[in-house]
Amino acid sequence: METPVSVLGFGSAAGKKEDEGPLSGLFDYISDDNTFGEKTWEKSESRMQQIALSKALANAELDPKKIDLIFSGDLLNQCIGSVFGLREFNIPFIGLYGACSTMAEGIALSCIAIDGGFAEKCAAITSSHFCSAERQFRLPLEYGGQRPQSAQWTATASGAVILGNSEKAPVITHVTIGTIVDMGINDANNMGAAMAPAAADTIKRFFTDTSLTAQDIDLVLTGDLGEQGSSILCELLYREGIDIRQKHNDCGLIIFDRESQDVHSGGSGCGCSAAVLCAHILPRLCDGNLKKVLFVATGALMSPTSQQQGETIPGIAHAVLFQSR
């Protein structure tokens, strides 16, 4: 960015299982029954986005009329979680599909729009819901199919960030837009392996473009590779002479306790990285406990149709560098 873009406010919402994990008490809103007061899982996901955006606007002390653009998306067909959740705000809307990379994608595009002079204030928001995702992508919950250890648990969560030009910290100074990387993985129960090569590619290009090194960064935060994907990412980068092992963590490993919550390889879903960012990372940047965080949200670019047709799972990763002033 020619002029760093400020984080003006942020908000989060999450379900009961998420609040039982390591981030308990940090989310702005918790639904004890995961319905968020709605009659369907898809409407519950839309309600999460409403709550997260309302919390972010309140945190930024802004009226919705002050927001020029919303960048939002989710895992559902035609991004209905975002469309029906945000329609009442009457803000110009750009729908995104980056799967679990959507939060970084929305933040990156917001920064580009603001730095380019096309908007003054933008909102980036996304969500996921365990039950709406399972209904769309996997066998019915009632079937009780056994999940392999490489599988991840879709987080019921949402996060929203308000961005604009300000002296307020933290700020975003760099973004790196990812390229599609497809290494031929076709196992929907091992999405960490499908996304890790894309994360490695984006992180490598970020360090090359900026001349920064892993030692300059407090935290390289991916989301959501889980345990298996995180291990692959660190190995791929180490082979390229980039050692992030002491600086890396993953939102899918942060949001749940893998030992006690039976989530296998960790968390996933658009809302996982969004909620971890808004509930856990941005507050630490605001109070100065973290100085530089490279946020690299990763997505598996698949659909039920592509899986049924035997396609592979391409990966994507977008990077955003947050800095505390």
Protein backbone atom coordinates (compact mmCIF):
# COMPACT_ATOMS: atom_id res chain seq x y z
CA MET A 1 0.00 0.00 0.00
CA GLU A 2 1.27 3.51 -0.80
CA THR A 3 -0.56 4.62 2.35
CA PRO A 4 -1.10 2.00 5.08
CA VAL A 5 -4.76 1.11 5.58
CA SER A 6 -6.05 1.14 9.15
CA VAL A 7 -8.22 -1.39 10.94
CA LEU A 8 -11.03 0.80 12.26
CA GLY A 9 -13.04 -1.90 13.97
CA PHE A 10 -13.72 -5.63 14.12
CA GLY A 11 -16.29 -8.06 15.46
CA SER A 12 -16.89 -11.80 15.80
CA ALA A 13 -19.60 -14.36 16.45
CA ALA A 14 -19.24 -18.07 17.18
CA GLY A 15 -21.02 -21.21 18.24
CA LYS A 16 -21.00 -23.26 21.43
CA LYS A 17 -18.20 -25.66 20.44
CA GLU A 18 -15.93 -22.76 19.45
CA ASP A 19 -16.46 -21.07 22.81
CA GLU A 20 -15.52 -24.32 24.55
CA GLY A 21 -12.06 -24.17 22.94
CA PRO A 22 -8.90 -22.18 23.74
CA LEU A 23 -10.50 -18.85 22.72
CA SER A 24 -13.39 -19.13 25.18
CA GLY A 25 -14.67 -15.72 26.25
CA LEU A 26 -12.94 -13.82 23.42
CA PHE A 27 -15.75 -13.84 20.84
CA ASP A 28 -18.14 -10.89 20.81
CA TYR A 29 -21.23 -13.08 20.58
CA ILE A 30 -21.90 -16.75 21.35
CA SER A 31 -24.92 -18.87 20.39
CA ASP A 32 -25.44 -21.65 22.92
CA ASP A 33 -27.45 -23.78 20.49
CA ASN A 34 -25.74 -22.76 17.21
CA THR A 35 -29.05 -21.58 15.69
CA PHE A 36 -28.51 -17.89 16.48
CA GLY A 37 -32.29 -17.72 16.86
CA GLU A 38 -33.03 -18.88 13.30
CA LYS A 39 -35.00 -21.82 11.85
CA THR A 40 -32.42 -23.18 9.38
CA TRP A 41 -28.65 -23.60 9.47
CA GLU A 42 -28.23 -21.36 6.42
CA LYS A 43 -30.24 -18.58 8.08
CA SER A 44 -28.13 -19.10 11.20
CA GLU A 45 -25.02 -18.43 9.13
CA SER A 46 -26.56 -15.26 7.69
CA ARG A 47 -27.43 -14.12 11.20
CA MET A 48 -23.80 -14.62 12.26
CA GLN A 49 -22.67 -12.22 9.55
CA GLN A 50 -25.23 -9.64 10.67
CA ILE A 51 -23.98 -9.91 14.24
CA ALA A 52 -20.28 -9.76 13.34
CA LEU A 53 -20.70 -6.75 11.07
CA SER A 54 -22.88 -4.93 13.63
CA LYS A 55 -20.24 -5.55 16.31
CA ALA A 56 -17.48 -4.29 13.99
CA LEU A 57 -19.43 -1.13 13.14
CA ALA A 58 -20.08 -0.49 16.82
CA ASN A 59 -16.40 -1.05 17.60
CA ALA A 60 -15.47 1.44 14.88
CA GLU A 61 -18.22 3.84 16.01
CA LEU A 62 -19.52 4.03 12.45
CA ASP A 63 -22.96 4.11 10.86
CA PRO A 64 -23.47 1.57 8.02
CA LYS A 65 -24.02 4.51 5.66
CA LYS A 66 -20.34 5.41 6.08
CA ILE A 67 -19.21 2.10 4.48
CA ASP A 68 -18.62 2.35 0.73
CA LEU A 69 -18.17 -1.36 -0.06
CA ILE A 70 -18.68 -4.75 1.56
CA PHE A 71 -16.55 -7.66 0.38
CA SER A 72 -18.05 -10.91 1.60
CA GLY A 73 -18.48 -14.58 0.78
CA ASP A 74 -18.99 -18.01 2.33
CA LEU A 75 -18.99 -21.72 1.49
CA LEU A 76 -22.60 -21.99 0.37
CA ASN A 77 -23.87 -22.09 -3.21
CA GLN A 78 -24.20 -18.57 -4.63
CA CYS A 79 -22.84 -17.26 -1.29
CA ILE A 80 -26.35 -17.17 0.18
CA GLY A 81 -25.02 -16.84 3.72
CA SER A 82 -23.59 -13.45 2.81
CA VAL A 83 -26.35 -12.30 0.45
CA PHE A 84 -29.24 -12.86 2.83
CA GLY A 85 -27.25 -11.81 5.87
CA LEU A 86 -26.08 -8.46 4.53
CA ARG A 87 -28.98 -7.32 2.33
CA GLU A 88 -30.57 -5.23 5.09
CA PHE A 89 -27.47 -3.05 5.50
CA ASN A 90 -28.04 -1.45 2.07
CA ILE A 91 -24.28 -1.15 1.40
CA PRO A 92 -22.76 -1.74 -2.06
CA PHE A 93 -21.86 -5.43 -2.05
CA ILE A 94 -19.18 -7.44 -3.85
CA GLY A 95 -19.61 -11.18 -3.39
CA LEU A 96 -16.50 -13.35 -3.15
CA TYR A 97 -15.72 -17.02 -3.38
CA GLY A 98 -12.29 -17.91 -2.09
CA ALA A 99 -13.45 -20.72 0.20
CA CYS A 100 -11.48 -20.49 3.46
CA SER A 101 -9.23 -17.79 1.96
CA THR A 102 -12.19 -15.38 1.74
CA MET A 103 -11.28 -13.26 4.78
CA ALA A 104 -7.79 -12.45 3.49
CA GLU A 105 -9.23 -11.96 0.00
CA GLY A 106 -11.82 -9.49 1.28
CA ILE A 107 -9.27 -7.58 3.36
CA ALA A 108 -6.81 -7.44 0.45
CA LEU A 109 -9.45 -6.14 -1.97
CA SER A 110 -10.64 -3.61 0.60
CA CYS A 111 -7.09 -2.30 0.95
CA ILE A 112 -6.63 -2.10 -2.82
CA ALA A 113 -9.92 -0.18 -3.17
CA ILE A 114 -9.03 2.24 -0.39
CA ASP A 115 -5.40 2.76 -1.40
CA GLY A 116 -6.48 3.24 -5.03
CA GLY A 117 -8.92 5.96 -4.08
CA PHE A 118 -12.05 4.02 -5.05
CA ALA A 119 -13.45 3.86 -1.50
CA GLU A 120 -12.90 5.53 1.83
CA LYS A 121 -14.16 2.77 4.12
CA CYS A 122 -14.76 -0.92 3.40
CA ALA A 123 -15.93 -3.96 5.31
CA ALA A 124 -14.55 -7.49 4.87
CA ILE A 125 -16.64 -10.29 6.34
CA THR A 126 -17.14 -14.01 6.02
CA SER A 127 -18.63 -16.96 7.88
CA SER A 128 -19.06 -20.72 8.02
CA HIS A 129 -21.40 -23.03 9.90
CA PHE A 130 -20.68 -26.66 10.63
CA CYS A 131 -24.18 -27.87 9.78
CA SER A 132 -24.70 -25.81 6.62
CA ALA A 133 -21.32 -26.95 5.29
CA GLU A 134 -21.95 -30.58 6.15
CA ARG A 135 -25.35 -30.46 4.44
CA GLN A 136 -23.74 -29.15 1.25
CA PHE A 137 -20.43 -30.98 1.05
CA ARG A 138 -20.72 -34.24 2.96
CA LEU A 139 -23.02 -37.08 3.91
CA PRO A 140 -26.00 -36.26 6.18
CA LEU A 141 -25.00 -35.83 9.80
CA GLU A 142 -27.46 -38.56 10.80
CA TYR A 143 -25.50 -41.10 8.76
CA GLY A 144 -22.64 -40.94 11.24
CA GLY A 145 -19.89 -41.61 8.70
CA GLN A 146 -16.46 -41.97 10.27
CA ARG A 147 -14.05 -39.14 9.54
CA PRO A 148 -10.34 -39.89 8.96
CA GLN A 149 -7.69 -38.23 11.11
CA SER A 150 -6.79 -35.87 8.24
CA ALA A 151 -10.31 -34.40 8.24
CA GLN A 152 -11.02 -30.97 9.73
CA TRP A 153 -14.04 -29.60 11.60
CA THR A 154 -15.89 -26.69 9.98
CA ALA A 155 -16.07 -23.86 12.51
CA THR A 156 -19.38 -22.20 13.27
CA ALA A 157 -18.08 -18.66 13.32
CA SER A 158 -17.95 -15.29 11.60
CA GLY A 159 -15.62 -12.30 11.62
CA ALA A 160 -15.87 -8.77 10.22
CA VAL A 161 -13.24 -6.04 9.81
CA ILE A 162 -13.82 -2.36 8.99
CA LEU A 163 -10.96 -0.71 7.08
CA GLY A 164 -10.15 2.87 6.11
CA ASN A 165 -7.58 5.65 6.05
CA SER A 166 -6.75 6.72 9.60
CA GLU A 167 -3.92 7.15 12.07
CA LYS A 168 -5.42 4.30 14.07
CA ALA A 169 -3.46 1.07 14.57
CA PRO A 170 -3.06 -1.65 13.51
CA VAL A 171 -2.44 -0.99 9.83
CA ILE A 172 -2.07 -3.12 6.72
CA THR A 173 1.04 -2.32 4.73
CA HIS A 174 1.28 -5.15 2.18
CA VAL A 175 -0.99 -7.66 0.45
CA THR A 176 -0.05 -10.57 -1.81
CA ILE A 177 -2.75 -12.05 -4.04
CA GLY A 178 -2.39 -15.80 -4.43
CA THR A 179 -2.24 -17.92 -7.55
CA ILE A 180 -4.18 -21.15 -8.06
CA VAL A 181 -1.97 -24.14 -7.18
CA ASP A 182 -3.14 -27.67 -7.93
CA MET A 183 -0.94 -30.58 -6.88
CA GLY A 184 -3.49 -33.23 -7.81
CA ILE A 185 -4.97 -33.86 -4.34
CA ASN A 186 -8.55 -35.15 -4.65
CA ASP A 187 -9.32 -36.24 -1.09
CA ALA A 188 -11.93 -33.88 0.40
CA ASN A 189 -11.00 -35.24 3.83
CA ASN A 190 -7.44 -33.94 3.46
CA MET A 191 -7.89 -30.34 2.41
CA GLY A 192 -4.84 -29.24 4.40
CA ALA A 193 -2.64 -31.13 1.95
CA ALA A 194 -4.47 -29.55 -0.99
CA MET A 195 -4.04 -25.98 0.34
CA ALA A 196 -0.52 -26.16 1.79
CA PRO A 197 1.31 -25.80 -1.59
CA ALA A 198 -0.69 -22.64 -2.36
CA ALA A 199 0.20 -21.20 1.05
CA ALA A 200 3.87 -22.00 0.47
CA ASP A 201 3.78 -20.30 -2.93
CA THR A 202 2.17 -17.12 -1.58
CA ILE A 203 4.45 -16.88 1.47
CA LYS A 204 7.54 -17.39 -0.68
CA ARG A 205 6.42 -14.67 -3.11
CA PHE A 206 5.62 -12.32 -0.23
CA PHE A 207 9.11 -12.65 1.24
CA THR A 208 10.70 -12.30 -2.22
CA ASP A 209 8.68 -9.21 -3.12
CA THR A 210 9.17 -7.41 0.21
CA SER A 211 12.75 -8.55 1.00
CA LEU A 212 11.49 -9.39 4.48
CA THR A 213 12.37 -12.66 6.19
CA ALA A 214 10.61 -14.86 8.70
CA GLN A 215 12.74 -13.29 11.40
CA ASP A 216 11.10 -9.91 10.70
CA ILE A 217 7.64 -11.31 11.44
CA ASP A 218 6.21 -12.07 14.89
CA LEU A 219 3.66 -14.54 13.58
CA VAL A 220 2.99 -16.26 10.26
CA LEU A 221 -0.66 -17.19 10.68
CA THR A 222 -2.27 -19.53 8.17
CA GLY A 223 -5.92 -20.51 8.05
CA ASP A 224 -6.94 -23.20 7.86
CA LEU A 225 -4.41 -25.92 7.14
CA GLY A 226 -4.90 -27.89 10.32
CA GLU A 227 -2.22 -30.18 11.72
CA GLN A 228 -1.47 -32.08 8.53
CA GLY A 229 -1.42 -29.08 6.21
CA SER A 230 0.69 -27.03 8.61
CA SER A 231 3.34 -29.75 8.73
CA ILE A 232 3.41 -29.92 4.92
CA LEU A 233 3.64 -26.11 4.60
CA CYS A 234 6.62 -25.84 6.94
CA GLU A 235 8.41 -28.67 5.11
CA LEU A 236 7.78 -27.15 1.66
CA LEU A 237 9.12 -23.76 2.72
CA TYR A 238 12.09 -25.27 4.55
CA ARG A 239 13.11 -26.96 1.30
CA GLU A 240 13.07 -23.49 -0.29
CA GLY A 241 15.35 -22.09 2.42
CA ILE A 242 12.53 -20.38 4.34
CA ASP A 243 12.18 -21.53 7.94
CA ILE A 244 8.89 -20.42 9.53
CA ARG A 245 8.66 -23.27 12.02
CA GLN A 246 9.26 -21.06 15.07
CA LYS A 247 6.97 -18.29 13.79
CA HIS A 248 4.06 -20.28 12.39
CA ASN A 249 0.63 -21.06 13.78
CA ASP A 250 -2.65 -21.99 12.12
CA CYS A 251 -6.16 -20.72 12.88
CA GLY A 252 -7.46 -24.29 12.62
CA LEU A 253 -5.10 -25.29 15.43
CA ILE A 254 -5.92 -22.23 17.55
CA ILE A 255 -9.72 -22.28 17.59
CA PHE A 256 -10.14 -25.84 18.88
CA ASP A 257 -8.35 -28.10 21.37
CA ARG A 258 -7.54 -31.15 19.25
CA GLU A 259 -7.02 -33.37 22.27
CA SER A 260 -10.35 -32.74 23.99
CA GLN A 261 -12.73 -31.60 21.23
CA ASP A 262 -12.48 -34.44 18.68
CA VAL A 263 -11.78 -32.22 15.68
CA HIS A 264 -9.08 -34.51 14.26
CA SER A 265 -6.66 -32.34 12.20
CA GLY A 266 -8.17 -29.06 13.45
CA GLY A 267 -10.69 -26.43 12.40
CA SER A 268 -11.61 -25.18 8.95
CA GLY A 269 -14.23 -23.06 7.19
CA CYS A 270 -14.29 -19.42 6.14
CA GLY A 271 -15.33 -18.33 9.61
CA CYS A 272 -12.45 -20.09 11.34
CA SER A 273 -9.66 -17.73 10.25
CA ALA A 274 -12.02 -14.73 10.31
CA ALA A 275 -13.07 -15.31 13.91
CA VAL A 276 -9.55 -16.12 15.12
CA LEU A 277 -8.28 -12.93 13.47
CA CYS A 278 -11.02 -10.74 14.96
CA ALA A 279 -11.28 -12.30 18.42
CA HIS A 280 -7.65 -13.16 19.12
CA ILE A 281 -5.08 -11.59 16.76
CA LEU A 282 -6.32 -8.04 16.12
CA PRO A 283 -6.75 -7.30 19.86
CA ARG A 284 -3.13 -8.37 20.42
CA LEU A 285 -2.00 -6.09 17.60
CA CYS A 286 -4.02 -3.25 19.11
CA ASP A 287 -2.38 -3.59 22.53
CA GLY A 288 1.10 -4.08 21.07
CA ASN A 289 1.63 -7.69 22.13
CA LEU A 290 2.15 -8.46 18.45
CA LYS A 291 4.01 -6.11 16.11
CA LYS A 292 3.90 -7.81 12.69
CA VAL A 293 1.52 -10.58 11.68
CA LEU A 294 1.45 -12.14 8.22
CA PHE A 295 -2.12 -13.42 7.85
CA VAL A 296 -2.34 -16.06 5.11
CA ALA A 297 -5.85 -17.44 4.68
CA THR A 298 -6.01 -20.55 2.51
CA GLY A 299 -8.87 -21.95 0.45
CA ALA A 300 -9.76 -25.24 -1.22
CA LEU A 301 -11.45 -24.25 -4.50
CA MET A 302 -13.88 -27.12 -4.77
CA SER A 303 -17.63 -27.66 -4.96
CA PRO A 304 -19.92 -30.68 -4.53
CA THR A 305 -20.19 -30.88 -8.33
CA SER A 306 -16.43 -30.87 -8.93
CA GLN A 307 -16.01 -33.59 -6.31
CA GLN A 308 -18.73 -35.73 -7.84
CA GLN A 309 -17.06 -35.38 -11.24
CA GLY A 310 -13.72 -36.58 -9.87
CA GLU A 311 -11.91 -33.25 -10.11
CA THR A 312 -8.85 -32.40 -8.05
CA ILE A 313 -8.88 -29.73 -5.32
CA PRO A 314 -7.01 -26.57 -6.39
CA GLY A 315 -5.72 -24.37 -3.56
CA ILE A 316 -5.37 -20.62 -3.15
CA ALA A 317 -3.84 -18.41 -0.45
CA HIS A 318 -3.85 -14.64 0.00
CA ALA A 319 -1.50 -12.83 2.37
CA VAL A 320 -2.03 -9.63 4.36
CA LEU A 321 0.65 -8.02 6.55
CA PHE A 322 -0.72 -6.36 9.70
CA GLN A 323 1.55 -4.05 11.67
CA SER A 324 1.17 -2.31 14.98
CA ARG A 325 2.36 1.29 14.70
